[in-house]
C-alpha atoms as a PDB file:
ATOM      1  CA  MET A   1      42.658  26.575 -62.807  1.00  0.00           C
ATOM      2  CA  PRO A   2      44.152  24.038 -60.415  1.00  0.00           C
ATOM      3  CA  GLU A   3      41.851  21.485 -58.724  1.00  0.00           C
ATOM      4  CA  ALA A   4      41.395  21.603 -54.966  1.00  0.00           C
ATOM      5  CA  SER A   5      43.718  19.318 -53.118  1.00  0.00           C
ATOM      6  CA  VAL A   6      41.855  16.520 -51.296  1.00  0.00           C
ATOM      7  CA  PRO A   7      43.946  14.132 -49.129  1.00  0.00           C
ATOM      8  CA  GLU A   8      43.779  10.536 -50.410  1.00  0.00           C
ATOM      9  CA  GLY A   9      40.925   8.545 -48.817  1.00  0.00           C
ATOM     10  CA  GLU A  10      38.823  11.682 -48.071  1.00  0.00           C
ATOM     11  CA  TYR A  11      35.836  12.757 -50.008  1.00  0.00           C
ATOM     12  CA  LEU A  12      34.121  16.127 -50.387  1.00  0.00           C
ATOM     13  CA  GLN A  13      30.371  16.297 -50.029  1.00  0.00           C
ATOM     14  CA  THR A  14      28.532  17.063 -53.218  1.00  0.00           C
ATOM     15  CA  PRO A  15      26.476  20.247 -52.772  1.00  0.00           C
ATOM     16  CA  SER A  16      22.716  20.003 -52.800  1.00  0.00           C
ATOM     17  CA  GLN A  17      20.653  21.562 -55.534  1.00  0.00           C
ATOM     18  CA  THR A  18      17.143  22.876 -55.432  1.00  0.00           C
ATOM     19  CA  VAL A  19      14.399  20.542 -56.633  1.00  0.00           C
ATOM     20  CA  GLY A  20      12.342  21.344 -59.696  1.00  0.00           C
ATOM     21  CA  PRO A  21      10.556  22.569 -61.586  1.00  0.00           C
ATOM     22  CA  PHE A  22      11.752  19.724 -63.877  1.00  0.00           C
ATOM     23  CA  PHE A  23      10.269  16.950 -61.734  1.00  0.00           C
ATOM     24  CA  GLY A  24       6.726  17.871 -62.827  1.00  0.00           C
ATOM     25  CA  TYR A  25       7.632  16.186 -66.055  1.00  0.00           C
ATOM     26  CA  ALA A  26       9.644  13.194 -64.807  1.00  0.00           C
ATOM     27  CA  LEU A  27       7.933  11.952 -61.612  1.00  0.00           C
ATOM     28  CA  PRO A  28       4.135  11.933 -62.020  1.00  0.00           C
ATOM     29  CA  TYR A  29       2.651   8.758 -63.507  1.00  0.00           C
ATOM     30  CA  ASP A  30      -0.779   7.512 -64.529  1.00  0.00           C
ATOM     31  CA  GLY A  31      -2.778   6.512 -61.455  1.00  0.00           C
ATOM     32  CA  GLY A  32      -0.195   7.849 -59.003  1.00  0.00           C
ATOM     33  CA  PRO A  33      -2.736   9.616 -56.810  1.00  0.00           C
ATOM     34  CA  GLU A  34      -5.053   6.558 -56.734  1.00  0.00           C
ATOM     35  CA  VAL A  35      -3.810   4.471 -53.836  1.00  0.00           C
ATOM     36  CA  THR A  36      -7.198   2.721 -53.934  1.00  0.00           C
ATOM     37  CA  PRO A  37      -9.795   2.727 -56.724  1.00  0.00           C
ATOM     38  CA  ARG A  38     -12.356   5.558 -56.371  1.00  0.00           C
ATOM     39  CA  VAL A  39     -15.172   3.040 -56.620  1.00  0.00           C
ATOM     40  CA  ASP A  40     -13.968   1.216 -53.518  1.00  0.00           C
ATOM     41  CA  PRO A  41     -16.732   1.869 -50.895  1.00  0.00           C
ATOM     42  CA  GLU A  42     -14.003   2.450 -48.229  1.00  0.00           C
ATOM     43  CA  SER A  43     -11.978   4.936 -50.267  1.00  0.00           C
ATOM     44  CA  ILE A  44     -11.530   8.473 -49.038  1.00  0.00           C
ATOM     45  CA  ARG A  45     -10.367  11.658 -50.661  1.00  0.00           C
ATOM     46  CA  LEU A  46      -7.343  13.436 -49.149  1.00  0.00           C
ATOM     47  CA  HIS A  47      -6.766  16.793 -50.688  1.00  0.00           C
ATOM     48  CA  GLY A  48      -5.422  20.227 -50.001  1.00  0.00           C
ATOM     49  CA  THR A  49      -3.215  23.067 -51.218  1.00  0.00           C
ATOM     50  CA  VAL A  50       0.514  23.648 -50.884  1.00  0.00           C
ATOM     51  CA  TYR A  51       1.388  27.235 -49.950  1.00  0.00           C
ATOM     52  CA  ASP A  52       4.674  29.103 -49.889  1.00  0.00           C
ATOM     53  CA  GLY A  53       5.838  31.457 -47.090  1.00  0.00           C
ATOM     54  CA  ALA A  54       3.782  34.343 -48.491  1.00  0.00           C
ATOM     55  CA  GLY A  55       0.602  32.313 -48.522  1.00  0.00           C
ATOM     56  CA  VAL A  56       0.637  31.926 -52.345  1.00  0.00           C
ATOM     57  CA  PRO A  57      -0.154  28.461 -53.793  1.00  0.00           C
ATOM     58  CA  VAL A  58       2.858  26.558 -55.104  1.00  0.00           C
ATOM     59  CA  PRO A  59       2.031  25.436 -58.688  1.00  0.00           C
ATOM     60  CA  ASP A  60       4.774  22.853 -59.166  1.00  0.00           C
ATOM     61  CA  ALA A  61       5.033  20.696 -56.069  1.00  0.00           C
ATOM     62  CA  ILE A  62       4.743  16.950 -55.826  1.00  0.00           C
ATOM     63  CA  LEU A  63       3.473  15.067 -52.800  1.00  0.00           C
ATOM     64  CA  GLU A  64       3.878  11.401 -51.823  1.00  0.00           C
ATOM     65  CA  ILE A  65       1.860   9.579 -49.204  1.00  0.00           C
ATOM     66  CA  TRP A  66       2.402   6.229 -47.486  1.00  0.00           C
ATOM     67  CA  GLY A  67      -0.064   4.635 -45.139  1.00  0.00           C
ATOM     68  CA  PRO A  68      -1.368   1.460 -43.570  1.00  0.00           C
ATOM     69  CA  ASP A  69      -4.644  -0.171 -44.421  1.00  0.00           C
ATOM     70  CA  ALA A  70      -7.905   0.417 -42.477  1.00  0.00           C
ATOM     71  CA  SER A  71      -6.862  -2.028 -39.779  1.00  0.00           C
ATOM     72  CA  GLY A  72      -3.465  -0.313 -39.272  1.00  0.00           C
ATOM     73  CA  ALA A  73      -1.416  -3.021 -40.985  1.00  0.00           C
ATOM     74  CA  VAL A  74       1.445  -2.041 -43.253  1.00  0.00           C
ATOM     75  CA  ILE A  75       0.490  -2.682 -46.903  1.00  0.00           C
ATOM     76  CA  ALA A  76       3.028  -4.860 -48.683  1.00  0.00           C
ATOM     77  CA  GLU A  77       1.324  -5.159 -52.075  1.00  0.00           C
ATOM     78  CA  ARG A  78       3.325  -4.454 -55.193  1.00  0.00           C
ATOM     79  CA  GLY A  79       2.068  -2.335 -58.085  1.00  0.00           C
ATOM     80  CA  SER A  80       2.546   1.359 -57.132  1.00  0.00           C
ATOM     81  CA  LEU A  81       3.883   2.320 -60.519  1.00  0.00           C
ATOM     82  CA  HIS A  82       1.569   0.135 -62.597  1.00  0.00           C
ATOM     83  CA  ARG A  83      -1.873   0.416 -61.060  1.00  0.00           C
ATOM     84  CA  ASP A  84      -4.281  -2.389 -61.891  1.00  0.00           C
ATOM     85  CA  GLY A  85      -7.324  -0.614 -60.521  1.00  0.00           C
ATOM     86  CA  TYR A  86      -7.881  -3.220 -57.771  1.00  0.00           C
ATOM     87  CA  THR A  87      -4.762  -3.494 -55.603  1.00  0.00           C
ATOM     88  CA  VAL A  88      -4.224  -1.088 -52.637  1.00  0.00           C
ATOM     89  CA  THR A  89      -0.537  -0.458 -52.382  1.00  0.00           C
ATOM     90  CA  GLY A  90      -0.332   2.126 -49.571  1.00  0.00           C
ATOM     91  CA  PHE A  91       1.798   4.524 -51.674  1.00  0.00           C
ATOM     92  CA  GLY A  92       0.707   7.370 -53.844  1.00  0.00           C
ATOM     93  CA  ARG A  93       2.276  10.328 -55.691  1.00  0.00           C
ATOM     94  CA  ALA A  94       0.410  13.409 -56.913  1.00  0.00           C
ATOM     95  CA  ALA A  95       1.487  16.591 -58.623  1.00  0.00           C
ATOM     96  CA  VAL A  96      -0.318  19.754 -57.624  1.00  0.00           C
ATOM     97  CA  ASP A  97      -2.323  21.681 -60.244  1.00  0.00           C
ATOM     98  CA  ARG A  98      -1.598  25.289 -61.222  1.00  0.00           C
ATOM     99  CA  ALA A  99      -3.527  26.432 -58.144  1.00  0.00           C
ATOM    100  CA  GLY A 100      -1.276  24.351 -55.808  1.00  0.00           C
ATOM    101  CA  HIS A 101      -4.075  21.802 -55.151  1.00  0.00           C
ATOM    102  CA  TYR A 102      -3.545  18.026 -54.885  1.00  0.00           C
ATOM    103  CA  THR A 103      -5.886  15.078 -54.461  1.00  0.00           C
ATOM    104  CA  PHE A 104      -5.333  11.455 -53.412  1.00  0.00           C
ATOM    105  CA  THR A 105      -7.812   8.603 -53.337  1.00  0.00           C
ATOM    106  CA  THR A 106      -6.777   6.307 -50.543  1.00  0.00           C
ATOM    107  CA  VAL A 107      -8.117   4.314 -47.571  1.00  0.00           C
ATOM    108  CA  LEU A 108      -8.833   5.780 -44.156  1.00  0.00           C
ATOM    109  CA  PRO A 109      -5.793   4.498 -42.254  1.00  0.00           C
ATOM    110  CA  GLY A 110      -6.085   2.577 -39.071  1.00  0.00           C
ATOM    111  CA  ALA A 111      -3.927   3.106 -35.991  1.00  0.00           C
ATOM    112  CA  THR A 112      -0.618   1.239 -36.321  1.00  0.00           C
ATOM    113  CA  ALA A 113      -0.499   0.480 -32.554  1.00  0.00           C
ATOM    114  CA  PRO A 114      -2.819   0.742 -29.543  1.00  0.00           C
ATOM    115  CA  GLY A 115      -2.952   4.331 -28.202  1.00  0.00           C
ATOM    116  CA  ARG A 116      -1.834   5.813 -31.474  1.00  0.00           C
ATOM    117  CA  ALA A 117      -3.850   8.001 -33.856  1.00  0.00           C
ATOM    118  CA  PRO A 118      -4.234   6.990 -37.525  1.00  0.00           C
ATOM    119  CA  TYR A 119      -2.058   9.069 -39.920  1.00  0.00           C
ATOM    120  CA  LEU A 120      -0.559   9.150 -43.352  1.00  0.00           C
ATOM    121  CA  LEU A 121       3.128   9.969 -44.003  1.00  0.00           C
ATOM    122  CA  VAL A 122       3.482  12.859 -46.397  1.00  0.00           C
ATOM    123  CA  THR A 123       6.577  13.883 -48.333  1.00  0.00           C
ATOM    124  CA  VAL A 124       6.770  17.267 -50.133  1.00  0.00           C
ATOM    125  CA  PHE A 125       9.008  18.088 -53.079  1.00  0.00           C
ATOM    126  CA  ALA A 126       8.841  21.699 -54.249  1.00  0.00           C
ATOM    127  CA  ARG A 127      10.882  24.373 -55.969  1.00  0.00           C
ATOM    128  CA  GLY A 128      13.335  26.087 -53.673  1.00  0.00           C
ATOM    129  CA  LEU A 129      13.671  23.089 -51.329  1.00  0.00           C
ATOM    130  CA  LEU A 130      17.146  21.645 -51.067  1.00  0.00           C
ATOM    131  CA  HIS A 131      15.723  18.494 -49.514  1.00  0.00           C
ATOM    132  CA  HIS A 132      12.253  17.086 -49.571  1.00  0.00           C
ATOM    133  CA  LEU A 133      10.185  17.606 -46.395  1.00  0.00           C
ATOM    134  CA  PHE A 134       8.420  14.974 -44.245  1.00  0.00           C
ATOM    135  CA  THR A 135       5.224  15.450 -42.251  1.00  0.00           C
ATOM    136  CA  ARG A 136       2.253  13.507 -41.127  1.00  0.00           C
ATOM    137  CA  ALA A 137      -1.493  13.960 -41.703  1.00  0.00           C
ATOM    138  CA  TYR A 138      -3.281  12.849 -38.487  1.00  0.00           C
ATOM    139  CA  PHE A 139      -6.935  11.852 -38.526  1.00  0.00           C
ATOM    140  CA  SER A 140      -7.213  12.265 -34.719  1.00  0.00           C
ATOM    141  CA  PRO A 141      -5.590  14.501 -32.180  1.00  0.00           C
ATOM    142  CA  ASP A 142      -5.132  11.721 -29.654  1.00  0.00           C
ATOM    143  CA  ASP A 143      -1.537  10.568 -30.215  1.00  0.00           C
ATOM    144  CA  PRO A 144       1.551  10.543 -27.939  1.00  0.00           C
ATOM    145  CA  PHE A 145       3.665  12.184 -30.638  1.00  0.00           C
ATOM    146  CA  LEU A 146       1.165  15.034 -31.100  1.00  0.00           C
ATOM    147  CA  ALA A 147       1.450  15.696 -27.349  1.00  0.00           C
ATOM    148  CA  THR A 148       5.099  16.575 -27.835  1.00  0.00           C
ATOM    149  CA  VAL A 149       4.288  19.215 -30.470  1.00  0.00           C
ATOM    150  CA  PRO A 150       3.610  22.750 -29.104  1.00  0.00           C
ATOM    151  CA  GLU A 151      -0.133  23.197 -28.737  1.00  0.00           C
ATOM    152  CA  ASN A 152      -0.260  26.149 -31.092  1.00  0.00           C
ATOM    153  CA  ARG A 153       1.346  24.080 -33.902  1.00  0.00           C
ATOM    154  CA  ARG A 154      -0.566  20.749 -33.533  1.00  0.00           C
ATOM    155  CA  GLY A 155      -3.335  21.824 -35.878  1.00  0.00           C
ATOM    156  CA  THR A 156      -0.869  21.884 -38.791  1.00  0.00           C
ATOM    157  CA  LEU A 157      -0.668  18.129 -38.533  1.00  0.00           C
ATOM    158  CA  LEU A 158      -4.427  17.477 -38.365  1.00  0.00           C
ATOM    159  CA  VAL A 159      -6.686  16.751 -41.331  1.00  0.00           C
ATOM    160  CA  GLU A 160     -10.077  18.433 -41.457  1.00  0.00           C
ATOM    161  CA  GLN A 161     -13.069  16.458 -42.565  1.00  0.00           C
ATOM    162  CA  ASP A 162     -14.811  18.605 -45.190  1.00  0.00           C
ATOM    163  CA  GLY A 163     -17.370  16.179 -46.570  1.00  0.00           C
ATOM    164  CA  GLU A 164     -18.454  12.579 -46.553  1.00  0.00           C
ATOM    165  CA  ARG A 165     -15.247  10.552 -46.939  1.00  0.00           C
ATOM    166  CA  SER A 166     -13.353  13.766 -47.823  1.00  0.00           C
ATOM    167  CA  TYR A 167     -10.466  15.248 -45.753  1.00  0.00           C
ATOM    168  CA  ARG A 168      -8.485  18.411 -46.293  1.00  0.00           C
ATOM    169  CA  PHE A 169      -4.803  18.720 -45.385  1.00  0.00           C
ATOM    170  CA  ASP A 170      -3.197  22.048 -46.433  1.00  0.00           C
ATOM    171  CA  ILE A 171       0.595  22.404 -46.299  1.00  0.00           C
ATOM    172  CA  ARG A 172       2.392  25.708 -45.594  1.00  0.00           C
ATOM    173  CA  LEU A 173       6.057  25.468 -46.419  1.00  0.00           C
ATOM    174  CA  GLN A 174       7.052  28.398 -44.148  1.00  0.00           C
ATOM    175  CA  GLY A 175       5.763  31.500 -42.464  1.00  0.00           C
ATOM    176  CA  GLU A 176       2.705  31.896 -40.275  1.00  0.00           C
ATOM    177  CA  GLY A 177       0.961  28.557 -39.797  1.00  0.00           C
ATOM    178  CA  GLU A 178       3.977  26.670 -41.154  1.00  0.00           C
ATOM    179  CA  THR A 179       3.302  22.928 -41.219  1.00  0.00           C
ATOM    180  CA  VAL A 180       5.298  20.918 -38.661  1.00  0.00           C
ATOM    181  CA  PHE A 181       7.963  19.036 -40.596  1.00  0.00           C
ATOM    182  CA  LEU A 182       9.831  16.068 -39.206  1.00  0.00           C
ATOM    183  CA  ASP A 183      13.541  15.308 -39.273  1.00  0.00           C
ATOM    184  CA  PHE A 184      14.271  11.660 -39.939  1.00  0.00           C
ATOM    185  CA  MET A 185      17.880  10.903 -39.067  1.00  0.00           C
ATOM    186  CA  GLY A 186      19.704   8.055 -40.735  1.00  0.00           C
ATOM    187  CA  ASP A 187      21.010   6.643 -37.436  1.00  0.00           C
ATOM    188  CA  GLY A 188      17.741   5.155 -36.282  1.00  0.00           C
ATOM    189  CA  ARG A 189      16.950   7.986 -33.861  1.00  0.00           C
ATOM    190  CA  GLY A 190      14.452   9.899 -36.013  1.00  0.00           C
END
């Protein structure tokens, strides 16, 4: 069969492929969900369930979080892949269990600027997704960005405190109650 003719100097885009379920083997690592040690008196638990469009838990997703420290400063410590049990790196990666549930141990983030609400960045990798999804888990509804989100969808970006130092953030990939996902453009606009 003859190859497609491509003019010299032009390149065809490589098609995307769905993610997983192979990444459940390749991406998790020991200590990935422990952004801070559980014994740290300022640590919190961020947990929840990832649901598909039918409301069924997704058993093979992976989530990543990034966040500032309690004062809102960006954390620049190394050591995300080789946890030492002491260093807070700001980055965590957790695989969901068979019931679609995930858990992170992290710090309660501070606001990164005056007038902003504290939040964690969340990335979702799951079967059936051509590209990973970005969202935010806000710890307060008082944020200029949240004011731009339709009122009936803002709640999908808010964590719910469900215990002392425990916060729940469920993610719905599509359908009713779909989490608001963000589009980050590579040109500096997103």
